[in-house]
Amino acid sequence: MSTISTDSQETSSELQQRLPSKAPRLEDVARAAGVSPKTASRVINNERSVRIEVREKVWAAVKSLRYVPHPSARSLAANRSFQIGLLNATR
């Protein structure tokens, strides 16, 4: 049985920095902006019922985290695929 010295072991924080991070989620944007996920969703979907100050905080969080809505998640939530099918009727 081999023993690894503690000098060569990485701490979990060092390992986390080397591993690729996951894409930010809506919850991450909401936490960074200090709002609820529903409010962040309202801002991203351009609903009018959100104050300007809150919109600015959410968009700043979106920009800093480089958040991009995932198309598959949106289609699941909306119960729509936003895809068009084509059929070629040549003989």
Protein backbone atom coordinates (compact mmCIF):
# COMPACT_ATOMS: atom_id res chain seq x y z
CA MET A 1 0.00 0.00 0.00
CA SER A 2 1.54 3.30 -1.09
CA THR A 3 1.34 6.43 0.97
CA ILE A 4 1.08 9.89 -0.55
CA SER A 5 2.81 12.65 1.33
CA THR A 6 0.65 15.53 2.48
CA ASP A 7 2.98 18.00 0.75
CA SER A 8 1.92 16.77 -2.69
CA GLN A 9 -1.79 16.64 -1.95
CA GLU A 10 -3.90 19.50 -3.17
CA THR A 11 -6.48 21.09 -0.93
CA SER A 12 -10.03 20.95 -2.19
CA SER A 13 -10.03 24.70 -2.93
CA GLU A 14 -6.91 24.34 -5.08
CA LEU A 15 -8.50 21.43 -6.90
CA GLN A 16 -11.73 23.40 -7.44
CA GLN A 17 -9.72 26.19 -9.08
CA ARG A 18 -8.15 23.79 -11.56
CA LEU A 19 -11.35 21.97 -12.50
CA PRO A 20 -13.64 23.50 -15.12
CA SER A 21 -16.52 25.28 -13.43
CA LYS A 22 -20.13 24.58 -14.22
CA ALA A 23 -22.16 27.06 -16.20
CA PRO A 24 -23.95 29.56 -13.98
CA ARG A 25 -27.62 28.89 -13.28
CA LEU A 26 -30.50 31.28 -12.75
CA GLU A 27 -30.19 30.70 -9.01
CA ASP A 28 -26.55 31.86 -9.16
CA VAL A 29 -27.60 35.06 -10.93
CA ALA A 30 -30.35 35.67 -8.36
CA ARG A 31 -27.95 35.13 -5.45
CA ALA A 32 -25.37 37.49 -6.96
CA ALA A 33 -28.02 40.18 -7.52
CA GLY A 34 -29.61 39.69 -4.10
CA VAL A 35 -33.05 38.84 -5.48
CA SER A 36 -35.25 35.76 -5.73
CA PRO A 37 -34.89 33.38 -8.71
CA LYS A 38 -38.40 34.37 -9.85
CA THR A 39 -37.41 38.05 -9.93
CA ALA A 40 -34.26 37.22 -11.89
CA SER A 41 -36.41 35.20 -14.31
CA ARG A 42 -38.81 38.14 -14.72
CA VAL A 43 -35.92 40.44 -15.59
CA ILE A 44 -34.39 38.02 -18.10
CA ASN A 45 -37.79 37.46 -19.74
CA ASN A 46 -38.41 41.24 -19.97
CA GLU A 47 -41.53 41.30 -17.82
CA ARG A 48 -42.56 44.85 -16.93
CA SER A 49 -43.32 44.28 -13.24
CA VAL A 50 -39.73 44.81 -12.01
CA ARG A 51 -38.24 48.08 -10.76
CA ILE A 52 -35.42 49.63 -12.79
CA GLU A 53 -32.93 49.40 -9.90
CA VAL A 54 -33.58 45.67 -9.57
CA ARG A 55 -33.28 45.18 -13.36
CA GLU A 56 -29.87 46.87 -13.33
CA LYS A 57 -28.62 44.64 -10.49
CA VAL A 58 -29.81 41.48 -12.24
CA TRP A 59 -28.32 42.44 -15.61
CA ALA A 60 -25.03 43.30 -13.89
CA ALA A 61 -25.03 39.81 -12.32
CA VAL A 62 -25.88 38.22 -15.69
CA LYS A 63 -22.96 40.03 -17.29
CA SER A 64 -20.45 39.31 -14.53
CA LEU A 65 -21.35 35.60 -14.37
CA ARG A 66 -21.66 35.31 -18.17
CA TYR A 67 -25.06 33.68 -17.74
CA VAL A 68 -26.76 32.31 -20.85
CA PRO A 69 -30.16 30.61 -20.58
CA HIS A 70 -29.94 26.95 -21.55
CA PRO A 71 -32.23 26.26 -24.56
CA SER A 72 -33.20 22.78 -23.38
CA ALA A 73 -34.18 24.05 -19.95
CA ARG A 74 -36.25 26.83 -21.49
CA SER A 75 -38.09 24.40 -23.76
CA LEU A 76 -38.84 22.10 -20.83
CA ALA A 77 -40.16 24.96 -18.69
CA ALA A 78 -42.25 26.43 -21.51
CA ASN A 79 -43.45 23.03 -22.75
CA ARG A 80 -42.33 24.12 -26.24
CA SER A 81 -39.32 23.07 -28.25
CA PHE A 82 -39.00 26.16 -30.50
CA GLN A 83 -37.97 23.82 -33.32
CA ILE A 84 -39.37 23.60 -36.82
CA GLY A 85 -39.56 20.34 -38.72
CA LEU A 86 -39.04 20.12 -42.47
CA LEU A 87 -40.26 17.36 -44.72
CA ASN A 88 -38.82 16.76 -48.16
CA ALA A 89 -41.48 15.28 -50.45
CA THR A 90 -39.34 14.35 -53.47
CA ARG A 91 -40.03 11.06 -55.16
